[in-house]
Amino acid sequence: MVTVTEKAIGEVKRAMGEANLPEGTVLRIGVAGGGCSGFQYKLGFDAADNVNTEKDHITEQHGLQVAIDKKSDLYLDGTTVDYYDGLEKRGFTFENPNVTKSCGCGSSFSV
């Protein structure tokens, strides 16, 4: 299971409001091939009718539906998604216990 912190959900909801996304929009978290270490994290929005319970793992976290395709879920199990808002950087962070190697960008990893 992937955990999304309340702070990260708040930032997602803020972005959804700025983009005027419709009610019921789902946060989609995934993994794609690429990046300097082999895989990279993906965050995006999806319409509720694009979510498929046979292909996606779906949870509700802090009032927001979160969907992860089952292939990505294998790489993300136990991951915590947070939002960091500091002077030196700002953005979503992934604390993934499955990572064996990552690079300095923070969004590319290998397992």
N, C-alpha and C. Protein backbone atom coordinates (compact mmCIF):
# COMPACT_ATOMS: atom_id res chain seq x y z
N MET A 1 0.83 -1.19 0.00
CA MET A 1 0.00 0.00 0.00
C MET A 1 0.87 1.25 0.00
N VAL A 2 0.43 2.25 -0.69
CA VAL A 2 1.09 3.55 -0.72
C VAL A 2 0.33 4.50 0.21
N THR A 3 1.08 5.25 1.01
CA THR A 3 0.50 6.23 1.90
C THR A 3 0.81 7.62 1.36
N VAL A 4 -0.20 8.45 1.25
CA VAL A 4 -0.03 9.84 0.85
C VAL A 4 -0.33 10.69 2.07
N THR A 5 0.63 11.52 2.47
CA THR A 5 0.45 12.32 3.68
C THR A 5 -0.63 13.37 3.49
N GLU A 6 -1.13 13.85 4.61
CA GLU A 6 -2.15 14.90 4.58
C GLU A 6 -1.62 16.16 3.89
N LYS A 7 -0.35 16.48 4.13
CA LYS A 7 0.25 17.66 3.48
C LYS A 7 0.30 17.49 1.96
N ALA A 8 0.67 16.29 1.50
CA ALA A 8 0.71 16.03 0.06
C ALA A 8 -0.69 16.10 -0.55
N ILE A 9 -1.67 15.52 0.13
CA ILE A 9 -3.05 15.58 -0.36
C ILE A 9 -3.53 17.03 -0.43
N GLY A 10 -3.17 17.83 0.56
CA GLY A 10 -3.54 19.25 0.53
C GLY A 10 -2.97 19.95 -0.69
N GLU A 11 -1.74 19.65 -1.04
CA GLU A 11 -1.12 20.27 -2.22
C GLU A 11 -1.78 19.77 -3.50
N VAL A 12 -2.12 18.49 -3.54
CA VAL A 12 -2.82 17.93 -4.70
C VAL A 12 -4.18 18.62 -4.88
N LYS A 13 -4.91 18.77 -3.78
CA LYS A 13 -6.23 19.43 -3.86
C LYS A 13 -6.09 20.89 -4.29
N ARG A 14 -5.04 21.57 -3.85
CA ARG A 14 -4.79 22.95 -4.27
C ARG A 14 -4.57 23.00 -5.78
N ALA A 15 -3.75 22.08 -6.29
CA ALA A 15 -3.47 22.03 -7.73
C ALA A 15 -4.73 21.69 -8.52
N MET A 16 -5.55 20.80 -7.98
CA MET A 16 -6.80 20.44 -8.65
C MET A 16 -7.73 21.65 -8.74
N GLY A 17 -7.79 22.43 -7.68
CA GLY A 17 -8.62 23.63 -7.67
C GLY A 17 -8.13 24.67 -8.67
N GLU A 18 -6.82 24.86 -8.72
CA GLU A 18 -6.26 25.82 -9.68
C GLU A 18 -6.51 25.40 -11.12
N ALA A 19 -6.54 24.09 -11.36
CA ALA A 19 -6.77 23.58 -12.72
C ALA A 19 -8.25 23.41 -13.03
N ASN A 20 -9.12 23.73 -12.06
CA ASN A 20 -10.57 23.58 -12.22
C ASN A 20 -10.96 22.17 -12.67
N LEU A 21 -10.35 21.17 -12.04
CA LEU A 21 -10.68 19.79 -12.38
C LEU A 21 -12.03 19.42 -11.79
N PRO A 22 -12.79 18.56 -12.47
CA PRO A 22 -14.13 18.23 -12.00
C PRO A 22 -14.12 17.43 -10.70
N GLU A 23 -15.22 17.51 -9.98
CA GLU A 23 -15.40 16.74 -8.76
C GLU A 23 -15.24 15.26 -9.09
N GLY A 24 -14.59 14.52 -8.22
CA GLY A 24 -14.39 13.09 -8.46
C GLY A 24 -13.09 12.76 -9.17
N THR A 25 -12.29 13.77 -9.50
CA THR A 25 -11.01 13.52 -10.13
C THR A 25 -10.14 12.71 -9.17
N VAL A 26 -9.38 11.77 -9.71
CA VAL A 26 -8.59 10.83 -8.93
C VAL A 26 -7.11 11.16 -9.09
N LEU A 27 -6.35 11.05 -7.99
CA LEU A 27 -4.90 11.16 -8.06
C LEU A 27 -4.37 9.80 -8.50
N ARG A 28 -3.59 9.79 -9.59
CA ARG A 28 -3.00 8.55 -10.09
C ARG A 28 -1.50 8.58 -9.83
N ILE A 29 -1.01 7.54 -9.15
CA ILE A 29 0.41 7.40 -8.86
C ILE A 29 0.91 6.17 -9.62
N GLY A 30 2.08 6.29 -10.25
CA GLY A 30 2.59 5.16 -11.00
C GLY A 30 4.10 5.19 -11.13
N VAL A 31 4.58 4.18 -11.83
CA VAL A 31 6.00 4.02 -12.13
C VAL A 31 6.11 3.81 -13.63
N ALA A 32 7.10 4.46 -14.24
CA ALA A 32 7.36 4.28 -15.67
C ALA A 32 8.83 3.98 -15.87
N GLY A 33 9.13 3.25 -16.92
CA GLY A 33 10.53 3.01 -17.26
C GLY A 33 11.17 4.31 -17.69
N GLY A 34 12.44 4.47 -17.36
CA GLY A 34 13.16 5.68 -17.76
C GLY A 34 13.89 6.31 -16.60
N GLY A 35 14.37 7.48 -16.80
CA GLY A 35 15.16 8.15 -15.78
C GLY A 35 16.57 7.60 -15.76
N CYS A 36 17.40 8.16 -14.95
CA CYS A 36 18.80 7.76 -14.93
C CYS A 36 19.06 6.49 -14.13
N SER A 37 18.07 5.98 -13.39
CA SER A 37 18.27 4.76 -12.61
C SER A 37 17.36 3.61 -13.05
N GLY A 38 16.58 3.78 -14.10
CA GLY A 38 15.75 2.69 -14.62
C GLY A 38 14.26 2.91 -14.53
N PHE A 39 13.79 3.48 -13.42
CA PHE A 39 12.37 3.77 -13.24
C PHE A 39 12.21 5.19 -12.76
N GLN A 40 11.03 5.75 -13.00
CA GLN A 40 10.73 7.07 -12.45
C GLN A 40 9.29 7.11 -11.97
N TYR A 41 9.06 7.94 -10.97
CA TYR A 41 7.72 8.09 -10.40
C TYR A 41 6.86 8.96 -11.30
N LYS A 42 5.57 8.67 -11.30
CA LYS A 42 4.60 9.47 -12.04
C LYS A 42 3.46 9.86 -11.12
N LEU A 43 3.08 11.13 -11.18
CA LEU A 43 1.89 11.64 -10.49
C LEU A 43 1.03 12.31 -11.54
N GLY A 44 -0.26 12.10 -11.48
CA GLY A 44 -1.15 12.75 -12.42
C GLY A 44 -2.59 12.67 -11.95
N PHE A 45 -3.47 13.18 -12.76
CA PHE A 45 -4.90 13.16 -12.46
C PHE A 45 -5.60 12.30 -13.48
N ASP A 46 -6.69 11.69 -13.05
CA ASP A 46 -7.47 10.85 -13.94
C ASP A 46 -8.94 11.02 -13.60
N ALA A 47 -9.78 10.81 -14.58
CA ALA A 47 -11.23 10.85 -14.37
C ALA A 47 -11.65 9.59 -13.62
N ALA A 48 -12.62 9.72 -12.76
CA ALA A 48 -13.07 8.58 -11.95
C ALA A 48 -13.53 7.42 -12.83
N ASP A 49 -14.09 7.69 -13.99
CA ASP A 49 -14.57 6.59 -14.84
C ASP A 49 -13.44 5.88 -15.58
N ASN A 50 -12.19 6.37 -15.49
CA ASN A 50 -11.04 5.69 -16.07
C ASN A 50 -10.39 4.71 -15.09
N VAL A 51 -10.85 4.72 -13.85
CA VAL A 51 -10.30 3.83 -12.83
C VAL A 51 -10.98 2.48 -12.94
N ASN A 52 -10.20 1.41 -12.95
CA ASN A 52 -10.71 0.06 -13.13
C ASN A 52 -10.27 -0.78 -11.94
N THR A 53 -11.22 -1.29 -11.17
CA THR A 53 -10.88 -2.03 -9.95
C THR A 53 -10.14 -3.33 -10.26
N GLU A 54 -10.22 -3.84 -11.47
CA GLU A 54 -9.48 -5.04 -11.84
C GLU A 54 -8.01 -4.73 -12.13
N LYS A 55 -7.73 -3.51 -12.58
CA LYS A 55 -6.36 -3.15 -12.97
C LYS A 55 -5.70 -2.18 -11.99
N ASP A 56 -6.49 -1.55 -11.13
CA ASP A 56 -5.98 -0.52 -10.23
C ASP A 56 -6.21 -0.88 -8.77
N HIS A 57 -5.28 -0.48 -7.93
CA HIS A 57 -5.47 -0.54 -6.48
C HIS A 57 -5.96 0.85 -6.08
N ILE A 58 -7.13 0.93 -5.44
CA ILE A 58 -7.77 2.21 -5.16
C ILE A 58 -7.94 2.37 -3.65
N THR A 59 -7.54 3.53 -3.15
CA THR A 59 -7.74 3.85 -1.74
C THR A 59 -8.30 5.27 -1.65
N GLU A 60 -8.88 5.57 -0.50
CA GLU A 60 -9.27 6.95 -0.22
C GLU A 60 -8.39 7.43 0.91
N GLN A 61 -7.70 8.54 0.67
CA GLN A 61 -6.78 9.08 1.66
C GLN A 61 -7.06 10.56 1.85
N HIS A 62 -7.40 10.93 3.06
CA HIS A 62 -7.67 12.32 3.43
C HIS A 62 -8.70 12.96 2.48
N GLY A 63 -9.72 12.18 2.13
CA GLY A 63 -10.81 12.70 1.31
C GLY A 63 -10.55 12.71 -0.18
N LEU A 64 -9.51 12.03 -0.64
CA LEU A 64 -9.20 11.99 -2.08
C LEU A 64 -8.98 10.55 -2.52
N GLN A 65 -9.58 10.19 -3.65
CA GLN A 65 -9.36 8.86 -4.21
C GLN A 65 -7.96 8.81 -4.84
N VAL A 66 -7.23 7.72 -4.54
CA VAL A 66 -5.88 7.51 -5.07
C VAL A 66 -5.88 6.18 -5.81
N ALA A 67 -5.43 6.19 -7.06
CA ALA A 67 -5.38 4.97 -7.87
C ALA A 67 -3.94 4.67 -8.27
N ILE A 68 -3.58 3.40 -8.15
CA ILE A 68 -2.25 2.93 -8.56
C ILE A 68 -2.46 1.68 -9.38
N ASP A 69 -1.93 1.66 -10.61
CA ASP A 69 -2.09 0.45 -11.40
C ASP A 69 -1.32 -0.68 -10.71
N LYS A 70 -1.83 -1.90 -10.84
CA LYS A 70 -1.30 -3.02 -10.07
C LYS A 70 0.16 -3.34 -10.42
N LYS A 71 0.61 -3.06 -11.63
CA LYS A 71 2.02 -3.27 -11.97
C LYS A 71 2.90 -2.31 -11.19
N SER A 72 2.51 -1.04 -11.12
CA SER A 72 3.28 -0.05 -10.37
C SER A 72 3.23 -0.34 -8.88
N ASP A 73 2.10 -0.87 -8.41
CA ASP A 73 1.94 -1.15 -6.99
C ASP A 73 3.01 -2.09 -6.47
N LEU A 74 3.51 -3.00 -7.31
CA LEU A 74 4.57 -3.92 -6.92
C LEU A 74 5.83 -3.15 -6.54
N TYR A 75 6.15 -2.08 -7.26
CA TYR A 75 7.35 -1.29 -7.01
C TYR A 75 7.16 -0.25 -5.91
N LEU A 76 5.90 0.08 -5.63
CA LEU A 76 5.60 1.17 -4.70
C LEU A 76 5.12 0.70 -3.32
N ASP A 77 4.98 -0.59 -3.12
CA ASP A 77 4.44 -1.10 -1.86
C ASP A 77 5.25 -0.57 -0.68
N GLY A 78 4.56 0.06 0.26
CA GLY A 78 5.21 0.62 1.44
C GLY A 78 5.71 2.04 1.28
N THR A 79 5.52 2.63 0.11
CA THR A 79 6.00 3.98 -0.18
C THR A 79 5.13 5.03 0.51
N THR A 80 5.78 6.10 0.98
CA THR A 80 5.08 7.27 1.50
C THR A 80 5.34 8.44 0.57
N VAL A 81 4.28 9.06 0.10
CA VAL A 81 4.38 10.26 -0.74
C VAL A 81 4.10 11.46 0.16
N ASP A 82 5.02 12.41 0.16
CA ASP A 82 4.88 13.60 0.99
C ASP A 82 5.13 14.82 0.12
N TYR A 83 4.92 15.98 0.70
CA TYR A 83 5.20 17.24 0.00
C TYR A 83 6.16 18.04 0.85
N TYR A 84 7.28 18.41 0.25
CA TYR A 84 8.30 19.19 0.95
C TYR A 84 8.24 20.62 0.44
N ASP A 85 8.22 21.56 1.38
CA ASP A 85 8.11 22.97 1.02
C ASP A 85 9.17 23.75 1.80
N GLY A 86 10.40 23.72 1.29
CA GLY A 86 11.50 24.40 1.96
C GLY A 86 12.07 25.51 1.09
N LEU A 87 13.02 26.22 1.64
CA LEU A 87 13.66 27.30 0.90
C LEU A 87 14.50 26.79 -0.26
N GLU A 88 15.17 25.65 -0.07
CA GLU A 88 16.08 25.15 -1.08
C GLU A 88 15.41 24.34 -2.18
N LYS A 89 14.24 23.78 -1.88
CA LYS A 89 13.49 23.03 -2.90
C LYS A 89 12.05 22.89 -2.46
N ARG A 90 11.23 22.48 -3.41
CA ARG A 90 9.80 22.33 -3.14
C ARG A 90 9.27 21.26 -4.08
N GLY A 91 8.46 20.35 -3.56
CA GLY A 91 7.86 19.34 -4.42
C GLY A 91 7.52 18.07 -3.67
N PHE A 92 6.99 17.12 -4.42
CA PHE A 92 6.59 15.84 -3.86
C PHE A 92 7.82 14.96 -3.66
N THR A 93 7.82 14.22 -2.56
CA THR A 93 8.91 13.30 -2.27
C THR A 93 8.34 11.89 -2.13
N PHE A 94 9.17 10.91 -2.45
CA PHE A 94 8.78 9.51 -2.36
C PHE A 94 9.77 8.80 -1.46
N GLU A 95 9.28 8.24 -0.36
CA GLU A 95 10.11 7.43 0.52
C GLU A 95 9.72 5.98 0.26
N ASN A 96 10.54 5.31 -0.56
CA ASN A 96 10.22 3.98 -1.04
C ASN A 96 11.19 2.95 -0.46
N PRO A 97 10.71 2.03 0.38
CA PRO A 97 11.59 1.04 1.00
C PRO A 97 12.12 -0.01 0.02
N ASN A 98 11.58 -0.07 -1.19
CA ASN A 98 12.00 -1.06 -2.18
C ASN A 98 13.19 -0.62 -3.02
N VAL A 99 13.56 0.64 -2.92
CA VAL A 99 14.63 1.21 -3.75
C VAL A 99 15.98 0.67 -3.32
N THR A 100 16.75 0.20 -4.31
CA THR A 100 18.12 -0.24 -4.03
C THR A 100 19.13 0.79 -4.49
N LYS A 101 18.72 1.66 -5.42
CA LYS A 101 19.61 2.69 -5.94
C LYS A 101 18.75 3.84 -6.47
N SER A 102 19.16 5.06 -6.20
CA SER A 102 18.46 6.23 -6.73
C SER A 102 19.48 7.25 -7.15
N CYS A 103 19.02 8.28 -7.84
CA CYS A 103 19.94 9.33 -8.26
C CYS A 103 19.60 10.64 -7.55
N GLY A 104 20.36 11.66 -7.82
CA GLY A 104 20.19 12.93 -7.15
C GLY A 104 18.91 13.66 -7.48
N CYS A 105 18.25 13.31 -8.57
CA CYS A 105 17.03 14.04 -8.96
C CYS A 105 15.86 13.73 -8.04
N GLY A 106 15.90 12.58 -7.38
CA GLY A 106 14.83 12.20 -6.45
C GLY A 106 13.61 11.59 -7.09
N SER A 107 13.59 11.49 -8.43
CA SER A 107 12.42 10.91 -9.08
C SER A 107 12.79 9.67 -9.90
N SER A 108 14.03 9.24 -9.85
CA SER A 108 14.47 8.07 -10.60
C SER A 108 15.07 7.07 -9.62
N PHE A 109 14.77 5.77 -9.85
CA PHE A 109 15.23 4.75 -8.92
C PHE A 109 15.34 3.40 -9.60
N SER A 110 15.96 2.46 -8.92
CA SER A 110 15.97 1.06 -9.36
C SER A 110 15.65 0.19 -8.16
N VAL A 111 15.13 -1.01 -8.47
CA VAL A 111 14.77 -1.97 -7.41
C VAL A 111 15.46 -3.29 -7.64
